[in-house]
Amino acid sequence: MKRFVLRSLAGLEPVVAAEVLLRLDRVAEQIGPRELVVSAPDDEAAAVASGVVRLSTVDDAFLEVAATGPVGRKRADLDEIADLARRVRGGTSAELVLGWRQAATSAPGLLDVTASVLGRQRYSRFDVEDLVGSTLSPVCGAVYRSRSEGASRTIPTLSYRVTADRRRTALLLRLAAQPLHRRPYWRESRPGALHPPLAAAMAMLADLETADVVLDPFCGSGTIAIETALLVQGRGVVLASDIDASAALATRRNATEGAQVGVRTVCSDIAALPFRRGSIDRVISNPPWDRQVASSRSGRSAGSLDGVLAGEFRIVLLELEGQAAKALGAGWHPLASFQVSLRGQHPVVTVYGPAPGPVAVSIGKRWVALGQPAANVSQPT
C-alpha cells in the first residue's frame, strides 16, 4: 500500500478532500493541519500519483517513504530521524517517483531536503536536513545540496521533506519536479497576486456548471480568472476587469501565452462596470485589502455589482475580517465561510447568494456538499 501526503493552505483541507473525491474517486483522510493522505494499493499507485499531481487545490504532493512516532528533542535523538532515511534501500522510492514522472531513472542529479520540525529542540532544521541528505545521497545516486549553503535556481531531481511534530515523524518524497502551487502559466506577476490553489478552491465553490458569465472585477495578474477558465474548460465566458490597465494586460498575457485559456479582459473601475444589467452569473474575486494593493473604490463594490448581477447569482470573495459586513447591505446572503492562512494574514473565503441555500464543491456536473460525509457525491444525470 502506498500513501500520498497532500499539503494545503491551512483552512482549505475540506476543499482539497472534496477535489480528491471528485477527481480521483478516493477518500482523503486529514492527518493534521495542512496535511491529508490518500492511500492506494501498489498496483494502482502509478495511476493515483498521476491524478494527484493534477489536483489544483493542493500546494504540494509527496509519496510517504517512511514514518514513525514523535522523536525526542535532544541532539542524540537525531538518530531516530536518521533511521527513517536508513530504511530507504536501493533508491526504490526515487525510482518509482521518477518512473511516474516518465523521467529517466538512471540519470544522475541533485537531491535536496526540507525539514519542518515543530516545537523546541536542541537541533535545527538544517541539522535534520543535512543528516537526512547525507544518508540518502549514496542510496539514491544523487548529489545532496544543502539549503544552509543558500538558495539555488537549479531544480533538484529529487526533493525530500521531513516533517516532525508531536504526533509523528515522516520522510516524504515530492511527486512532481516542483511544488504544485508553482503554476507554469506565469508570464507576469503583480503585488498581491493570489495563491493559485486558493483561487482554484474559490472557483470550485462558485457552482460554475450553471454559469454562463463569470467575472473577477479585481483581476490583478489574473490568477482567479485563469483558474476559473481552466476549471470550466471553455464552457461559458470568463471576464477579468481591473481599474489598472497594466493589470488587465498582465492577465491577458498570463491567460493567452501561459495558460492558453480564453479570458476576456476589461479596464474598468468597479463603480462603472461596462456590463449589461443582469448579465453576470458569478463573481469570484480577491478585493484589495489596502496592504499590498490600495483599495481604490472597492468600498463601493457591493452596490456596483448589484447592477450587473443575474437573479440566481453566486459570489465568492476573499475578505479580511469586517469586510463581509459591507456586502450584507447589498442584500447578499452569506451561505458559507471558512478562514484560511495566507502570508501572515487570516482572510475568510465567503460564499454569497440571493437567498439562503447549500454550498458545495463542484467540478463539472459532479459535486460534494461541504460539511457532508465524504462519500456523498452527486452523479451526473
Protein backbone atom coordinates (compact mmCIF):
# COMPACT_ATOMS: atom_id res chain seq x y z
CA MET A 1 0.00 0.00 0.00
CA LYS A 2 1.30 3.46 -0.94
CA ARG A 3 0.44 6.62 0.97
CA PHE A 4 0.38 10.02 -0.74
CA VAL A 5 0.60 13.07 1.52
CA LEU A 6 -1.03 16.26 0.25
CA ARG A 7 -0.10 19.67 1.61
CA SER A 8 -2.59 22.56 1.51
CA LEU A 9 -3.21 26.01 2.90
CA ALA A 10 -4.50 25.91 6.46
CA GLY A 11 -8.29 26.07 6.19
CA LEU A 12 -8.52 24.58 2.69
CA GLU A 13 -8.40 20.95 3.83
CA PRO A 14 -12.18 20.32 3.28
CA VAL A 15 -11.98 21.64 -0.29
CA VAL A 16 -8.89 19.56 -1.04
CA ALA A 17 -10.65 16.46 0.29
CA ALA A 18 -13.64 17.23 -1.92
CA GLU A 19 -11.46 17.66 -5.01
CA VAL A 20 -9.74 14.32 -4.32
CA LEU A 21 -13.13 12.64 -4.11
CA LEU A 22 -14.45 14.32 -7.26
CA ARG A 23 -11.39 13.82 -9.44
CA LEU A 24 -9.91 10.58 -8.11
CA ASP A 25 -12.94 8.84 -6.55
CA ARG A 26 -10.92 8.35 -3.39
CA VAL A 27 -11.39 9.49 0.19
CA ALA A 28 -8.64 11.73 1.57
CA GLU A 29 -8.07 11.50 5.30
CA GLN A 30 -6.89 14.58 7.15
CA ILE A 31 -3.90 13.66 9.30
CA GLY A 32 -3.10 17.12 10.64
CA PRO A 33 -3.25 20.84 9.89
CA ARG A 34 -2.42 21.37 6.22
CA GLU A 35 -1.97 17.64 5.61
CA LEU A 36 -4.18 14.96 4.05
CA VAL A 37 -3.32 11.44 2.98
CA VAL A 38 -4.60 9.32 0.09
CA SER A 39 -3.84 5.59 0.16
CA ALA A 40 -3.68 3.28 -2.86
CA PRO A 41 -2.76 -0.37 -3.46
CA ASP A 42 0.63 -0.86 -5.10
CA ASP A 43 -0.88 -1.85 -8.44
CA GLU A 44 -2.94 1.37 -8.54
CA ALA A 45 -0.25 3.72 -7.22
CA ALA A 46 1.01 4.94 -10.60
CA ALA A 47 -2.49 5.96 -11.73
CA VAL A 48 -3.22 7.67 -8.41
CA ALA A 49 0.11 9.53 -8.49
CA SER A 50 -0.72 10.78 -11.99
CA GLY A 51 -4.04 12.14 -10.74
CA VAL A 52 -2.65 13.61 -7.53
CA VAL A 53 -0.17 15.88 -9.33
CA ARG A 54 -3.06 17.34 -11.33
CA LEU A 55 -5.05 18.46 -8.29
CA SER A 56 -5.42 22.22 -8.47
CA THR A 57 -6.20 22.99 -4.79
CA VAL A 58 -3.09 21.20 -3.47
CA ASP A 59 0.10 23.09 -2.59
CA ASP A 60 2.34 20.06 -2.91
CA ALA A 61 2.14 16.26 -3.05
CA PHE A 62 4.51 13.58 -1.75
CA LEU A 63 4.99 9.84 -1.54
CA GLU A 64 5.40 8.77 2.08
CA VAL A 65 8.70 6.87 2.18
CA ALA A 66 8.82 6.12 5.92
CA ALA A 67 7.07 7.22 9.10
CA THR A 68 7.35 6.75 12.84
CA GLY A 69 6.08 8.32 16.03
CA PRO A 70 7.30 11.59 17.54
CA VAL A 71 11.05 11.91 18.13
CA GLY A 72 12.91 13.33 21.12
CA ARG A 73 14.21 16.88 21.41
CA LYS A 74 17.86 16.20 22.27
CA ARG A 75 20.65 16.10 19.70
CA ALA A 76 21.11 12.42 20.46
CA ASP A 77 17.55 11.88 19.27
CA LEU A 78 18.54 12.89 15.75
CA ASP A 79 19.47 9.27 15.21
CA GLU A 80 15.76 8.42 15.27
CA ILE A 81 15.29 10.67 12.26
CA ALA A 82 18.35 9.20 10.56
CA ASP A 83 16.71 5.78 10.95
CA LEU A 84 13.92 6.93 8.62
CA ALA A 85 16.45 7.64 5.89
CA ARG A 86 18.26 4.35 6.55
CA ARG A 87 15.03 2.49 5.78
CA VAL A 88 15.37 3.57 2.14
CA ARG A 89 17.08 0.75 0.28
CA GLY A 90 18.39 0.86 -3.27
CA GLY A 91 16.60 4.08 -4.16
CA THR A 92 13.34 2.20 -4.75
CA SER A 93 11.12 5.16 -3.85
CA ALA A 94 13.15 7.52 -6.02
CA GLU A 95 12.92 5.13 -8.97
CA LEU A 96 9.16 4.86 -8.51
CA VAL A 97 8.63 8.62 -8.45
CA LEU A 98 10.92 9.25 -11.42
CA GLY A 99 9.10 6.49 -13.27
CA TRP A 100 5.74 8.08 -12.50
CA ARG A 101 7.14 11.34 -13.91
CA GLN A 102 8.14 9.36 -17.04
CA ALA A 103 11.72 10.50 -16.45
CA ALA A 104 14.91 8.52 -16.86
CA THR A 105 15.61 6.75 -13.58
CA SER A 106 19.32 6.26 -14.24
CA ALA A 107 20.21 9.91 -14.85
CA PRO A 108 22.42 11.46 -12.14
CA GLY A 109 21.05 14.54 -10.43
CA LEU A 110 20.70 16.68 -7.36
CA LEU A 111 18.91 15.89 -4.14
CA ASP A 112 17.62 18.36 -1.58
CA VAL A 113 15.85 18.03 1.76
CA THR A 114 13.45 20.39 3.51
CA ALA A 115 12.69 19.84 7.18
CA SER A 116 9.77 21.09 9.24
CA VAL A 117 10.36 20.47 12.95
CA LEU A 118 7.74 21.84 15.33
CA GLY A 119 8.36 22.55 18.99
CA ARG A 120 11.54 23.30 20.92
CA GLN A 121 14.51 21.04 20.41
CA ARG A 122 18.28 21.17 20.65
CA TYR A 123 18.84 20.76 16.95
CA SER A 124 17.91 22.93 13.98
CA ARG A 125 16.08 22.18 10.75
CA PHE A 126 19.47 22.39 8.99
CA ASP A 127 20.80 19.64 11.25
CA VAL A 128 17.91 17.43 10.20
CA GLU A 129 18.25 18.29 6.53
CA ASP A 130 22.00 17.66 6.37
CA LEU A 131 21.71 14.39 8.30
CA VAL A 132 18.96 13.00 6.07
CA GLY A 133 20.54 14.36 2.89
CA SER A 134 23.94 12.83 3.55
CA THR A 135 22.28 9.50 4.37
CA LEU A 136 20.11 9.43 1.25
CA SER A 137 22.70 10.70 -1.24
CA PRO A 138 24.63 7.42 -1.77
CA VAL A 139 21.41 5.37 -1.71
CA CYS A 140 19.71 7.46 -4.39
CA GLY A 141 22.81 8.07 -6.50
CA ALA A 142 22.26 11.83 -6.33
CA VAL A 143 24.38 14.70 -5.03
CA TYR A 144 22.97 16.28 -1.87
CA ARG A 145 22.62 20.06 -1.96
CA SER A 146 22.43 21.66 1.49
CA ARG A 147 20.00 24.54 1.95
CA SER A 148 22.37 26.04 4.50
CA GLU A 149 24.59 26.98 1.55
CA GLY A 150 21.89 29.32 0.22
CA ALA A 151 19.20 29.20 -2.45
CA SER A 152 19.87 27.77 -5.90
CA ARG A 153 17.98 28.22 -9.14
CA THR A 154 18.68 24.64 -10.19
CA ILE A 155 15.68 22.36 -9.80
CA PRO A 156 16.75 19.22 -7.91
CA THR A 157 15.99 15.80 -9.39
CA LEU A 158 14.71 14.56 -6.02
CA SER A 159 13.18 16.65 -3.24
CA TYR A 160 12.60 15.07 0.15
CA ARG A 161 10.68 16.57 3.04
CA VAL A 162 10.95 15.65 6.71
CA THR A 163 8.04 16.56 8.98
CA ALA A 164 8.31 16.15 12.73
CA ASP A 165 5.75 17.18 15.33
CA ARG A 166 4.15 15.82 18.50
CA ARG A 167 2.13 13.25 16.56
CA ARG A 168 4.53 11.68 14.10
CA THR A 169 7.71 11.97 12.06
CA ALA A 170 7.65 11.26 8.33
CA LEU A 171 10.05 11.15 5.39
CA LEU A 172 8.33 12.23 2.18
CA LEU A 173 9.42 12.41 -1.48
CA ARG A 174 7.91 15.04 -3.78
CA LEU A 175 5.95 13.54 -6.66
CA ALA A 176 6.46 16.35 -9.18
CA ALA A 177 9.67 18.12 -10.09
CA GLN A 178 8.45 21.32 -8.39
CA PRO A 179 5.78 22.25 -5.82
CA LEU A 180 2.31 22.05 -7.36
CA HIS A 181 1.41 25.63 -6.42
CA ARG A 182 4.02 26.90 -8.90
CA ARG A 183 1.89 27.25 -11.99
CA PRO A 184 3.62 27.13 -15.39
CA TYR A 185 1.36 29.85 -16.80
CA TRP A 186 3.06 32.76 -15.03
CA ARG A 187 4.49 35.24 -17.50
CA GLU A 188 3.96 38.37 -15.42
CA SER A 189 3.16 38.82 -11.72
CA ARG A 190 1.97 41.79 -9.68
CA PRO A 191 1.83 42.74 -5.98
CA GLY A 192 -0.91 40.90 -4.15
CA ALA A 193 -1.11 38.04 -6.67
CA LEU A 194 -3.33 35.33 -5.20
CA HIS A 195 -2.05 31.87 -4.28
CA PRO A 196 -3.21 29.67 -7.23
CA PRO A 197 -4.57 26.73 -5.16
CA LEU A 198 -6.72 29.19 -3.19
CA ALA A 199 -8.01 30.71 -6.43
CA ALA A 200 -8.86 27.22 -7.70
CA ALA A 201 -10.71 26.43 -4.47
CA MET A 202 -12.75 29.63 -4.74
CA ALA A 203 -13.72 28.70 -8.30
CA MET A 204 -14.89 25.25 -7.17
CA LEU A 205 -17.14 26.89 -4.57
CA ALA A 206 -18.89 29.07 -7.16
CA ASP A 207 -21.20 26.44 -8.71
CA LEU A 208 -19.88 27.14 -12.22
CA GLU A 209 -21.77 24.40 -14.04
CA THR A 210 -24.88 26.59 -14.38
CA ALA A 211 -23.00 29.85 -15.02
CA ASP A 212 -22.75 31.48 -18.45
CA VAL A 213 -20.66 34.51 -17.42
CA VAL A 214 -18.10 34.68 -14.59
CA LEU A 215 -16.39 37.92 -13.53
CA ASP A 216 -13.38 38.87 -11.42
CA PRO A 217 -13.63 42.67 -11.04
CA PHE A 218 -10.21 42.94 -9.29
CA CYS A 219 -8.22 40.66 -11.59
CA GLY A 220 -4.64 41.76 -10.77
CA SER A 221 -2.39 39.30 -12.61
CA GLY A 222 -5.33 37.03 -13.46
CA THR A 223 -4.95 34.06 -11.11
CA ILE A 224 -8.66 33.71 -10.32
CA ALA A 225 -9.76 34.20 -13.93
CA ILE A 226 -7.20 31.68 -15.21
CA GLU A 227 -8.00 29.02 -12.59
CA THR A 228 -11.71 29.52 -13.36
CA ALA A 229 -11.12 29.16 -17.10
CA LEU A 230 -9.06 26.01 -16.53
CA LEU A 231 -11.90 24.58 -14.46
CA VAL A 232 -14.77 25.34 -16.86
CA GLN A 233 -12.75 24.27 -19.93
CA GLY A 234 -14.37 26.57 -22.45
CA ARG A 235 -17.91 26.44 -21.07
CA GLY A 236 -19.21 29.99 -20.68
CA VAL A 237 -17.36 33.30 -20.63
CA VAL A 238 -14.71 34.33 -18.10
CA LEU A 239 -14.28 38.09 -17.67
CA ALA A 240 -11.41 39.84 -15.88
CA SER A 241 -11.61 43.52 -15.01
CA ASP A 242 -9.31 45.94 -13.19
CA ILE A 243 -9.03 49.70 -12.81
CA ASP A 244 -5.32 49.40 -13.66
CA ALA A 245 -4.70 48.89 -17.38
CA SER A 246 -1.36 47.14 -16.70
CA ALA A 247 -3.20 44.57 -14.58
CA ALA A 248 -5.57 43.77 -17.43
CA LEU A 249 -2.59 43.39 -19.76
CA ALA A 250 -0.81 41.08 -17.30
CA THR A 251 -3.94 38.95 -17.02
CA ARG A 252 -4.27 38.72 -20.78
CA ARG A 253 -0.66 37.67 -21.20
CA ASN A 254 -0.77 35.06 -18.45
CA ALA A 255 -4.01 33.65 -19.82
CA THR A 256 -3.18 33.55 -23.52
CA GLU A 257 0.58 32.94 -23.56
CA GLY A 258 0.87 30.98 -20.33
CA ALA A 259 -2.30 29.02 -19.61
CA GLN A 260 -3.64 29.19 -23.16
CA VAL A 261 -7.20 29.74 -22.00
CA GLY A 262 -9.81 32.25 -23.07
CA VAL A 263 -10.21 35.18 -20.65
CA ARG A 264 -11.76 38.46 -21.78
CA THR A 265 -10.10 41.45 -20.12
CA VAL A 266 -11.54 44.90 -19.43
CA CYS A 267 -10.01 48.01 -17.86
CA SER A 268 -12.73 49.44 -15.64
CA ASP A 269 -13.46 50.94 -12.24
CA ILE A 270 -15.62 48.72 -10.03
CA ALA A 271 -18.06 51.63 -9.74
CA ALA A 272 -18.63 51.79 -13.50
CA LEU A 273 -18.57 48.24 -14.85
CA PRO A 274 -19.39 48.18 -18.59
CA PHE A 275 -21.70 45.16 -18.47
CA ARG A 276 -25.41 44.79 -19.14
CA ARG A 277 -27.81 44.66 -16.23
CA GLY A 278 -28.30 41.09 -15.02
CA SER A 279 -25.53 39.71 -17.27
CA ILE A 280 -23.10 38.38 -14.62
CA ASP A 281 -23.92 34.96 -13.13
CA ARG A 282 -20.89 34.52 -10.88
CA VAL A 283 -18.35 36.81 -9.23
CA ILE A 284 -15.11 35.35 -7.83
CA SER A 285 -12.65 37.89 -6.52
CA ASN A 286 -9.91 38.92 -4.13
CA PRO A 287 -10.71 42.58 -3.37
CA PRO A 288 -7.72 44.76 -2.39
CA TRP A 289 -7.06 44.83 1.34
CA ASP A 290 -5.08 48.09 1.50
CA ARG A 291 -1.96 46.02 2.19
CA GLN A 292 -0.01 45.25 -0.99
CA VAL A 293 -2.68 46.86 -3.18
CA ALA A 294 -4.62 50.06 -2.40
CA SER A 295 -8.38 49.62 -2.14
CA SER A 296 -9.26 52.45 -4.55
CA ARG A 297 -13.07 52.42 -4.71
CA SER A 298 -13.50 48.85 -3.51
CA GLY A 299 -15.76 50.02 -0.69
CA ARG A 300 -18.46 50.60 -3.32
CA SER A 301 -18.09 47.12 -4.82
CA ALA A 302 -21.28 45.67 -3.38
CA GLY A 303 -23.60 48.31 -4.74
CA SER A 304 -21.78 48.41 -8.05
CA LEU A 305 -22.08 44.67 -8.58
CA ASP A 306 -25.78 44.64 -7.79
CA GLY A 307 -26.47 46.41 -11.07
CA VAL A 308 -24.93 43.66 -13.21
CA LEU A 309 -25.72 40.51 -11.20
CA ALA A 310 -28.15 37.94 -12.54
CA GLY A 311 -31.07 36.83 -10.39
CA GLU A 312 -29.54 33.47 -9.36
CA PHE A 313 -26.07 34.85 -8.72
CA ARG A 314 -23.31 33.42 -6.58
CA ILE A 315 -20.37 35.43 -5.24
CA VAL A 316 -17.15 34.07 -3.72
CA LEU A 317 -14.90 36.65 -2.05
CA LEU A 318 -11.66 36.52 -0.13
CA GLU A 319 -12.15 39.07 2.64
CA LEU A 320 -10.42 40.30 5.75
CA GLU A 321 -12.42 40.41 8.98
CA GLY A 322 -15.14 43.05 8.81
CA GLN A 323 -15.34 43.29 5.03
CA ALA A 324 -18.24 40.82 4.85
CA ALA A 325 -20.49 43.24 6.70
CA LYS A 326 -20.15 45.75 3.86
CA ALA A 327 -21.56 43.21 1.42
CA LEU A 328 -24.57 42.39 3.58
CA GLY A 329 -26.09 45.78 2.92
CA ALA A 330 -26.44 44.83 -0.74
CA GLY A 331 -28.87 42.04 0.12
CA TRP A 332 -26.38 39.23 -0.26
CA HIS A 333 -26.93 36.20 1.96
CA PRO A 334 -23.75 34.58 3.34
CA LEU A 335 -24.04 30.87 2.56
CA ALA A 336 -20.73 29.60 3.91
CA SER A 337 -17.39 30.91 5.10
CA PHE A 338 -14.10 29.49 6.27
CA GLN A 339 -10.86 31.08 7.36
CA VAL A 340 -7.54 30.40 5.66
CA SER A 341 -3.97 31.32 6.50
CA LEU A 342 -2.23 33.36 3.82
CA ARG A 343 1.00 35.39 4.02
CA GLY A 344 0.63 36.00 7.74
CA GLN A 345 -2.99 37.13 7.33
CA HIS A 346 -6.15 35.16 8.12
CA PRO A 347 -8.69 36.12 5.46
CA VAL A 348 -12.08 34.49 5.11
CA VAL A 349 -13.50 32.89 1.97
CA THR A 350 -17.17 33.81 1.95
CA VAL A 351 -19.80 32.44 -0.43
CA TYR A 352 -22.87 34.64 -1.03
CA GLY A 353 -26.17 34.09 -2.83
CA PRO A 354 -29.51 35.84 -3.29
CA ALA A 355 -31.13 33.61 -0.65
CA PRO A 356 -30.06 31.03 1.93
CA GLY A 357 -29.03 27.70 0.43
CA PRO A 358 -26.49 24.87 0.44
CA VAL A 359 -22.88 25.22 -0.72
CA ALA A 360 -20.90 22.51 -2.48
CA VAL A 361 -17.53 22.00 -4.08
CA SER A 362 -18.25 21.28 -7.73
CA ILE A 363 -16.29 20.17 -10.77
CA GLY A 364 -18.37 19.91 -13.91
CA LYS A 365 -21.64 18.15 -13.12
CA ARG A 366 -20.31 16.41 -10.01
CA TRP A 367 -20.36 18.00 -6.59
CA VAL A 368 -19.92 17.23 -2.93
CA ALA A 369 -21.69 19.25 -0.26
CA LEU A 370 -19.48 20.95 2.30
CA GLY A 371 -19.94 19.51 5.77
CA GLN A 372 -21.36 16.24 4.43
CA PRO A 373 -19.78 12.76 4.57
CA ALA A 374 -17.02 12.25 2.02
CA ALA A 375 -18.97 9.58 0.18
CA ASN A 376 -21.87 11.93 -0.53
CA VAL A 377 -21.06 12.79 -4.15
CA SER A 378 -23.65 13.64 -6.74
CA GLN A 379 -23.54 11.76 -10.02
CA PRO A 380 -24.32 13.32 -13.41
CA THR A 381 -27.83 12.65 -14.57
